[in-house]
Amino acid sequence: INLDGNSAPPVDRTDFNRVVLQINGEDNNDHVLAYLDDFLYDGTIQGDPVFDNLVWSDEFDGSGAINTTNWFHQTQLPAGGSWYNGEVQHYTNRTDNSNISGGFLNIVAKKEVFLDQGYTKQYTSARLNSKFAFTYGRVEVRAKLPTGVGTWPAIWMLGKIINEDGGYWDNQGFGTTNWPACGEIDIMEHWGSNQNYVQSAIHTPSSYGGTINHGGQTIPTASSAFHVYTLDWSEEKMVFSVDGVEHYTYNPTTKNSDTWPFDSEQYILLNIAIEPGIDQAFIQSAMEIDYVRVYQENSLSVSDLDDNEVALFFPNPVEDKLTIQLPTNLFRTKVTIYSVLGQELNSFFQTESRMEIDISHYNQGVYLMKLEANNRITSYKIIKKK
């Protein structure tokens, strides 16, 4: 309740920054005995997730063909013999169109007469599907883009459930949903007809084809220097940036299957398409990629340790010296002691199975001890006697 009747209801306010427990009788003079137990604050504040745990990557080391453990060549033409949007290329699995050299992946678009699947086309390129799919995280791709009016390179994502004959995940039996209901996330698109501009876009049942969900920025050196193209994808929104400079956020007010088919796994695609209006003088150009990295949140949690990770503290309650005993798999554990007000009193790394610390100078009361090891956080309560 509010002491000031003119204040907004507490549940509607956002200016609170502390917890106050007031324990007394009606006239503020009565002596009251109170027992407080299990008051824990782990030091975090709810906000945007931090994607700092690298879960999948390709650094494109070595030379020659691509790593087929990570990537699949999508070459099968759609029904009718042409790729979407009137594109005029064949995608191939040849090293002429995709290869690793000097620590970079090269996706090469070429002008050449090429017969495949009963169709002759005048241009070739490559379209790679990642064999890794995930939900939520950060995608970082460091790339240098091709040149030439009519080239259309892209770094993008599709729902793992897309029904698309010839795609890696469809071949694995996951193709149940047509585009755009599967969702499409365009991390980076670039058109040679608009040389210094890159764009990000979202395709959903509520906005696709000539989508209204897009944004971009001018990159004068898009084709002459490497830049880092980034997507941060959480359950609330998607944020797109280049070299840390944000240019578009997708965060629909209403999230349903029409606006937000993005609560399930997506996979990464890398390709260069050729538009029908390709410059006739175009011969060859490549998108060079230094790395592709996917980060997700660390699996840190406040929980009890497993049976084989038992930590012992004794005596508890304690008067002067506290012994901490840890199993061998928890060596190099970081130990931090806090007051119940959140003040850090001591912090150290335990490098032996048993250590003794002196807390005789602590005041009587309850203290919190936090252990950090093996990507886990566990908290304990310690009672200090006189």
Protein backbone atom coordinates (compact mmCIF):
# COMPACT_ATOMS: atom_id res chain seq x y z
CA ILE A 1 0.00 0.00 0.00
CA ASN A 2 1.03 3.62 -0.37
CA LEU A 3 1.56 6.03 2.48
CA ASP A 4 0.90 8.80 -0.03
CA GLY A 5 -2.55 8.30 -1.49
CA ASN A 6 -1.61 10.40 -4.52
CA SER A 7 1.08 7.95 -5.63
CA ALA A 8 0.49 5.40 -8.35
CA PRO A 9 -0.27 1.84 -7.20
CA PRO A 10 3.02 0.11 -6.31
CA VAL A 11 2.48 -2.63 -8.88
CA ASP A 12 2.43 0.04 -11.61
CA ARG A 13 5.64 1.78 -10.53
CA THR A 14 9.15 1.21 -11.87
CA ASP A 15 11.18 3.46 -9.56
CA PHE A 16 11.74 0.96 -6.73
CA ASN A 17 15.39 0.04 -6.15
CA ARG A 18 15.44 -1.71 -2.77
CA VAL A 19 13.55 -4.06 -0.48
CA VAL A 20 12.61 -2.77 2.98
CA LEU A 21 11.33 -5.08 5.74
CA GLN A 22 9.75 -3.22 8.65
CA ILE A 23 8.91 -5.33 11.70
CA ASN A 24 7.28 -3.70 14.69
CA GLY A 25 4.10 -3.45 16.70
CA GLU A 26 1.23 -1.10 16.03
CA ASP A 27 2.74 1.81 17.94
CA ASN A 28 6.36 1.26 16.75
CA ASN A 29 7.40 0.61 20.36
CA ASP A 30 6.54 -3.05 20.82
CA HIS A 31 9.41 -5.52 20.89
CA VAL A 32 8.94 -8.04 18.10
CA LEU A 33 10.84 -11.29 17.56
CA ALA A 34 11.01 -12.23 13.86
CA TYR A 35 12.66 -15.11 12.01
CA LEU A 36 13.69 -14.52 8.40
CA ASP A 37 14.85 -17.41 6.26
CA ASP A 38 15.96 -17.99 2.65
CA PHE A 39 16.33 -14.45 1.43
CA LEU A 40 18.38 -14.69 -1.77
CA TYR A 41 19.25 -12.26 -4.54
CA ASP A 42 21.66 -13.51 -7.20
CA GLY A 43 22.80 -10.06 -8.33
CA THR A 44 21.12 -10.11 -11.74
CA ILE A 45 18.56 -7.72 -13.17
CA GLN A 46 16.07 -8.88 -15.76
CA GLY A 47 16.93 -7.43 -19.15
CA ASP A 48 18.06 -8.42 -22.61
CA PRO A 49 19.77 -11.82 -22.66
CA VAL A 50 23.55 -11.91 -22.95
CA PHE A 51 24.67 -14.19 -25.77
CA ASP A 52 28.28 -14.92 -24.85
CA ASN A 53 28.52 -18.71 -25.07
CA LEU A 54 29.88 -19.85 -28.45
CA VAL A 55 27.84 -22.92 -29.44
CA TRP A 56 28.67 -23.35 -33.14
CA SER A 57 31.08 -21.81 -35.63
CA ASP A 58 33.07 -22.27 -38.79
CA GLU A 59 36.34 -20.34 -39.01
CA PHE A 60 37.04 -21.62 -42.54
CA ASP A 61 40.57 -22.72 -41.85
CA GLY A 62 42.43 -24.84 -44.38
CA SER A 63 41.85 -24.93 -48.11
CA GLY A 64 39.80 -26.73 -50.73
CA ALA A 65 36.21 -27.90 -50.42
CA ILE A 66 33.86 -26.70 -47.69
CA ASN A 67 33.42 -28.64 -44.44
CA THR A 68 30.47 -30.93 -45.17
CA THR A 69 30.06 -31.59 -41.47
CA ASN A 70 28.87 -28.00 -41.16
CA TRP A 71 27.37 -27.23 -44.56
CA PHE A 72 25.14 -28.71 -47.26
CA HIS A 73 25.08 -27.61 -50.90
CA GLN A 74 21.51 -26.88 -51.92
CA THR A 75 21.43 -27.40 -55.70
CA GLN A 76 18.02 -28.86 -56.54
CA LEU A 77 15.95 -26.51 -58.70
CA PRO A 78 12.43 -25.68 -57.53
CA ALA A 79 9.53 -27.01 -59.58
CA GLY A 80 9.53 -25.32 -62.97
CA GLY A 81 13.29 -25.16 -63.30
CA SER A 82 14.00 -21.67 -61.95
CA TRP A 83 14.89 -20.25 -58.56
CA TYR A 84 12.58 -17.75 -56.90
CA ASN A 85 12.33 -14.01 -57.69
CA GLY A 86 13.20 -14.70 -61.33
CA GLU A 87 16.81 -15.57 -60.45
CA VAL A 88 18.80 -16.94 -63.37
CA GLN A 89 21.63 -18.95 -61.73
CA HIS A 90 22.36 -22.60 -61.17
CA TYR A 91 23.62 -23.44 -57.69
CA THR A 92 26.38 -26.06 -57.82
CA ASN A 93 28.47 -28.09 -55.38
CA ARG A 94 31.71 -27.46 -57.32
CA THR A 95 34.73 -25.86 -55.73
CA ASP A 96 34.57 -23.38 -58.61
CA ASN A 97 31.55 -21.86 -56.83
CA SER A 98 32.39 -22.50 -53.18
CA ASN A 99 35.79 -23.11 -51.67
CA ILE A 100 38.02 -22.34 -48.73
CA SER A 101 41.26 -20.47 -49.31
CA GLY A 102 43.50 -18.37 -47.10
CA GLY A 103 41.18 -18.75 -44.10
CA PHE A 104 38.11 -17.55 -45.97
CA LEU A 105 35.04 -19.14 -47.48
CA ASN A 106 34.55 -17.94 -51.04
CA ILE A 107 31.10 -18.11 -52.58
CA VAL A 108 31.72 -17.34 -56.23
CA ALA A 109 29.15 -16.19 -58.78
CA LYS A 110 30.32 -16.79 -62.37
CA LYS A 111 29.15 -16.11 -65.89
CA GLU A 112 29.31 -19.44 -67.70
CA VAL A 113 27.02 -21.73 -69.69
CA PHE A 114 26.07 -24.60 -67.40
CA LEU A 115 23.68 -27.50 -67.96
CA ASP A 116 22.18 -29.19 -64.90
CA GLN A 117 18.90 -31.01 -64.15
CA GLY A 118 17.87 -30.61 -67.78
CA TYR A 119 18.16 -26.79 -67.76
CA THR A 120 20.89 -24.64 -69.28
CA LYS A 121 21.66 -21.38 -67.48
CA GLN A 122 24.19 -18.64 -68.09
CA TYR A 123 25.39 -18.16 -64.50
CA THR A 124 26.46 -20.35 -61.58
CA SER A 125 26.83 -19.75 -57.86
CA ALA A 126 26.49 -21.61 -54.53
CA ARG A 127 23.84 -21.82 -51.82
CA LEU A 128 24.90 -23.33 -48.48
CA ASN A 129 22.61 -24.62 -45.73
CA SER A 130 24.02 -24.96 -42.23
CA LYS A 131 23.62 -28.40 -40.65
CA PHE A 132 23.13 -26.63 -37.34
CA ALA A 133 19.76 -25.20 -36.28
CA PHE A 134 18.94 -23.31 -33.09
CA THR A 135 16.43 -21.10 -31.29
CA TYR A 136 17.50 -17.68 -29.98
CA GLY A 137 21.04 -16.38 -29.88
CA ARG A 138 23.51 -14.14 -31.65
CA VAL A 139 24.74 -14.75 -35.19
CA GLU A 140 27.94 -13.01 -36.27
CA VAL A 141 29.27 -13.22 -39.82
CA ARG A 142 32.37 -11.32 -40.91
CA ALA A 143 32.16 -10.87 -44.65
CA LYS A 144 33.21 -8.85 -47.69
CA LEU A 145 30.54 -8.61 -50.38
CA PRO A 146 30.73 -9.07 -54.16
CA THR A 147 30.33 -6.36 -56.79
CA GLY A 148 28.35 -6.16 -60.00
CA VAL A 149 24.89 -4.86 -60.88
CA GLY A 150 22.59 -7.87 -60.67
CA THR A 151 24.45 -9.72 -57.90
CA TRP A 152 22.35 -10.44 -54.83
CA PRO A 153 24.36 -11.90 -51.92
CA ALA A 154 22.63 -12.81 -48.69
CA ILE A 155 23.30 -14.04 -45.17
CA TRP A 156 19.96 -15.26 -43.89
CA MET A 157 17.93 -17.88 -42.00
CA LEU A 158 14.90 -20.08 -42.57
CA GLY A 159 12.76 -22.14 -40.24
CA LYS A 160 14.03 -25.69 -39.94
CA ILE A 161 10.50 -26.88 -40.74
CA ILE A 162 10.37 -25.28 -44.21
CA ASN A 163 8.85 -27.50 -46.88
CA GLU A 164 11.40 -26.97 -49.66
CA ASP A 165 12.45 -29.93 -51.79
CA GLY A 166 16.23 -30.22 -51.94
CA GLY A 167 16.93 -28.28 -48.76
CA TYR A 168 19.03 -30.00 -46.10
CA TRP A 169 16.44 -30.04 -43.33
CA ASP A 170 13.62 -30.99 -45.67
CA ASN A 171 15.74 -33.93 -46.81
CA GLN A 172 16.03 -34.94 -43.13
CA GLY A 173 12.26 -35.11 -42.81
CA PHE A 174 11.55 -31.81 -41.05
CA GLY A 175 9.79 -30.05 -43.94
CA THR A 176 6.21 -29.58 -42.74
CA THR A 177 5.51 -25.88 -43.27
CA ASN A 178 5.50 -23.73 -46.39
CA TRP A 179 7.17 -20.34 -46.73
CA PRO A 180 6.57 -17.76 -45.25
CA ALA A 181 4.82 -19.50 -42.35
CA CYS A 182 8.18 -21.09 -41.45
CA GLY A 183 9.65 -17.61 -40.98
CA GLU A 184 12.60 -16.00 -42.75
CA ILE A 185 15.26 -13.77 -41.17
CA ASP A 186 17.45 -11.81 -43.58
CA ILE A 187 20.51 -10.81 -41.59
CA MET A 188 22.16 -9.17 -44.58
CA GLU A 189 21.07 -8.56 -48.15
CA HIS A 190 23.02 -6.53 -50.70
CA TRP A 191 22.19 -5.58 -54.24
CA GLY A 192 24.87 -4.66 -56.74
CA SER A 193 22.51 -2.04 -58.13
CA ASN A 194 22.66 -0.25 -54.74
CA GLN A 195 26.34 -0.80 -54.05
CA ASN A 196 26.83 0.96 -50.72
CA TYR A 197 23.66 -0.17 -48.95
CA VAL A 198 22.94 -3.31 -46.89
CA GLN A 199 19.56 -4.33 -45.56
CA SER A 200 17.97 -6.66 -43.01
CA ALA A 201 14.39 -7.88 -43.29
CA ILE A 202 11.79 -10.18 -41.77
CA HIS A 203 9.35 -12.33 -43.77
CA THR A 204 6.25 -13.72 -42.05
CA PRO A 205 2.65 -14.49 -43.08
CA SER A 206 1.81 -10.89 -42.10
CA SER A 207 4.56 -9.36 -44.25
CA TYR A 208 6.39 -11.09 -47.08
CA GLY A 209 7.53 -10.53 -50.64
CA GLY A 210 7.43 -6.72 -50.70
CA THR A 211 7.85 -6.75 -46.96
CA ILE A 212 7.46 -3.65 -44.82
CA ASN A 213 9.57 -5.14 -42.03
CA HIS A 214 13.08 -4.05 -42.97
CA GLY A 215 15.83 -1.55 -42.30
CA GLY A 216 19.39 -0.93 -43.41
CA GLN A 217 22.37 1.38 -43.48
CA THR A 218 24.99 2.73 -45.82
CA ILE A 219 28.32 0.88 -45.81
CA PRO A 220 30.67 2.62 -48.28
CA THR A 221 33.22 -0.23 -48.08
CA ALA A 222 30.77 -3.15 -48.20
CA SER A 223 32.66 -4.76 -51.10
CA SER A 224 36.18 -3.58 -50.35
CA ALA A 225 36.51 -4.37 -46.64
CA PHE A 226 35.27 -6.93 -44.13
CA HIS A 227 32.39 -6.04 -41.85
CA VAL A 228 30.63 -7.96 -39.07
CA TYR A 229 26.94 -8.56 -39.72
CA THR A 230 25.06 -9.43 -36.54
CA LEU A 231 21.64 -10.64 -35.47
CA ASP A 232 20.59 -10.73 -31.81
CA TRP A 233 17.48 -12.92 -31.58
CA SER A 234 15.59 -13.31 -28.31
CA GLU A 235 12.05 -14.40 -27.53
CA GLU A 236 11.07 -10.72 -27.47
CA LYS A 237 12.76 -9.14 -30.49
CA MET A 238 15.42 -9.21 -33.19
CA VAL A 239 18.13 -6.57 -33.47
CA PHE A 240 20.28 -6.19 -36.60
CA SER A 241 23.60 -4.36 -36.78
CA VAL A 242 26.80 -3.91 -38.77
CA ASP A 243 30.05 -3.50 -36.83
CA GLY A 244 27.99 -2.87 -33.71
CA VAL A 245 25.87 -0.12 -35.28
CA GLU A 246 22.19 -1.06 -35.11
CA HIS A 247 19.92 -0.30 -38.05
CA TYR A 248 16.74 -2.31 -37.49
CA THR A 249 14.75 -3.88 -34.66
CA TYR A 250 11.80 -6.20 -35.20
CA ASN A 251 9.54 -6.33 -32.15
CA PRO A 252 5.86 -6.66 -33.06
CA THR A 253 3.42 -5.70 -30.34
CA THR A 254 1.31 -8.76 -31.03
CA LYS A 255 3.29 -11.98 -31.39
CA ASN A 256 1.44 -14.85 -33.00
CA SER A 257 1.93 -17.28 -35.89
CA ASP A 258 1.33 -14.47 -38.39
CA THR A 259 3.84 -11.99 -36.95
CA TRP A 260 6.26 -14.15 -34.98
CA PRO A 261 6.97 -17.66 -36.32
CA PHE A 262 10.32 -17.36 -34.57
CA ASP A 263 9.98 -19.43 -31.41
CA SER A 264 11.47 -22.56 -32.99
CA GLU A 265 14.71 -23.55 -34.70
CA GLN A 266 16.16 -21.74 -37.70
CA TYR A 267 19.23 -22.54 -39.81
CA ILE A 268 21.71 -20.32 -41.66
CA LEU A 269 21.99 -19.87 -45.44
CA LEU A 270 24.80 -18.24 -47.43
CA ASN A 271 24.41 -17.56 -51.14
CA ILE A 272 24.77 -15.23 -54.09
CA ALA A 273 21.75 -15.05 -56.38
CA ILE A 274 21.81 -13.52 -59.87
CA GLU A 275 18.98 -11.17 -60.85
CA PRO A 276 17.59 -11.24 -64.39
CA GLY A 277 18.88 -7.71 -64.96
CA ILE A 278 22.51 -8.75 -64.45
CA ASP A 279 25.06 -6.49 -66.13
CA GLN A 280 26.11 -8.26 -69.32
CA ALA A 281 29.70 -7.23 -68.63
CA PHE A 282 29.70 -9.19 -65.35
CA ILE A 283 32.20 -12.07 -65.35
CA GLN A 284 32.81 -13.18 -61.76
CA SER A 285 32.70 -11.93 -58.17
CA ALA A 286 32.78 -13.52 -54.72
CA MET A 287 31.40 -13.07 -51.24
CA GLU A 288 34.31 -13.73 -48.89
CA ILE A 289 33.43 -14.90 -45.36
CA ASP A 290 35.95 -14.93 -42.55
CA TYR A 291 33.77 -16.73 -40.01
CA VAL A 292 30.23 -17.66 -39.00
CA ARG A 293 29.60 -17.82 -35.25
CA VAL A 294 26.53 -18.58 -33.17
CA TYR A 295 26.35 -17.59 -29.51
CA GLN A 296 23.70 -18.39 -26.93
CA GLU A 297 23.19 -17.67 -23.24
CA ASN A 298 25.38 -19.44 -20.72
CA SER A 299 23.61 -22.21 -18.84
CA LEU A 300 24.26 -20.57 -15.47
CA SER A 301 21.67 -21.39 -12.87
CA VAL A 302 21.06 -21.15 -9.14
CA SER A 303 20.49 -24.77 -8.13
CA ASP A 304 21.67 -27.55 -5.90
CA LEU A 305 24.80 -29.41 -6.89
CA ASP A 306 24.62 -32.96 -8.20
CA ASP A 307 25.42 -35.81 -5.85
CA ASN A 308 28.97 -36.06 -7.17
CA GLU A 309 29.43 -32.30 -6.80
CA VAL A 310 28.63 -32.05 -3.08
CA ALA A 311 30.11 -29.04 -1.32
CA LEU A 312 30.41 -29.16 2.49
CA PHE A 313 30.55 -26.21 4.90
CA PHE A 314 31.17 -26.77 8.58
CA PRO A 315 30.56 -25.92 11.26
CA ASN A 316 27.35 -24.07 10.37
CA PRO A 317 26.44 -22.08 12.46
CA VAL A 318 30.05 -20.99 12.86
CA GLU A 319 31.86 -18.80 15.38
CA ASP A 320 35.30 -18.14 13.92
CA LYS A 321 36.68 -20.50 11.25
CA LEU A 322 34.62 -22.02 8.46
CA THR A 323 35.85 -25.08 6.56
CA ILE A 324 34.90 -25.46 2.89
CA GLN A 325 35.31 -28.94 1.40
CA LEU A 326 34.84 -29.50 -2.35
CA PRO A 327 35.12 -32.56 -4.62
CA THR A 328 38.01 -32.65 -7.08
CA ASN A 329 35.84 -31.75 -10.07
CA LEU A 330 35.10 -28.38 -8.44
CA PHE A 331 38.71 -27.26 -8.02
CA ARG A 332 39.25 -23.66 -9.12
CA THR A 333 35.82 -22.76 -7.78
CA LYS A 334 35.25 -19.06 -7.20
CA VAL A 335 33.87 -18.45 -3.71
CA THR A 336 32.20 -15.15 -2.83
CA ILE A 337 30.68 -14.19 0.50
CA TYR A 338 27.98 -11.50 0.72
CA SER A 339 26.09 -9.83 3.51
CA VAL A 340 22.31 -10.09 3.32
CA LEU A 341 22.37 -6.50 2.00
CA GLY A 342 24.33 -7.70 -1.03
CA GLN A 343 27.70 -6.25 0.03
CA GLU A 344 30.62 -8.39 -1.16
CA LEU A 345 32.81 -9.21 1.84
CA ASN A 346 35.30 -11.72 0.47
CA SER A 347 36.09 -13.37 -2.84
CA PHE A 348 38.72 -15.98 -3.70
CA PHE A 349 39.43 -19.09 -5.78
CA GLN A 350 39.55 -22.37 -3.90
CA THR A 351 42.46 -24.42 -5.28
CA GLU A 352 42.47 -27.23 -2.70
CA SER A 353 39.86 -29.78 -1.73
CA ARG A 354 39.63 -28.30 1.77
CA MET A 355 40.22 -24.74 2.86
CA GLU A 356 39.64 -22.88 6.08
CA ILE A 357 38.65 -19.22 6.20
CA ASP A 358 38.52 -16.92 9.19
CA ILE A 359 35.20 -15.12 9.66
CA SER A 360 35.66 -14.30 13.33
CA HIS A 361 35.52 -10.59 12.49
CA TYR A 362 32.07 -10.90 10.89
CA ASN A 363 29.12 -9.64 12.88
CA GLN A 364 26.54 -12.07 14.13
CA GLY A 365 23.95 -12.84 11.48
CA VAL A 366 23.23 -14.58 8.20
CA TYR A 367 25.58 -14.49 5.18
CA LEU A 368 25.32 -15.79 1.63
CA MET A 369 28.08 -17.80 -0.03
CA LYS A 370 28.10 -18.16 -3.81
CA LEU A 371 30.08 -20.84 -5.67
CA GLU A 372 30.82 -20.49 -9.38
CA ALA A 373 32.18 -23.55 -11.20
CA ASN A 374 31.51 -25.63 -14.30
CA ASN A 375 29.18 -22.99 -15.75
CA ARG A 376 26.95 -23.17 -12.68
CA ILE A 377 26.22 -20.90 -9.75
CA THR A 378 25.16 -22.34 -6.40
CA SER A 379 24.31 -20.33 -3.30
CA TYR A 380 24.43 -21.35 0.35
CA LYS A 381 23.42 -19.72 3.62
CA ILE A 382 25.90 -19.40 6.50
CA ILE A 383 24.95 -18.43 10.04
CA LYS A 384 27.57 -16.56 12.07
CA LYS A 385 27.27 -16.95 15.84
CA LYS A 386 28.83 -14.62 18.40
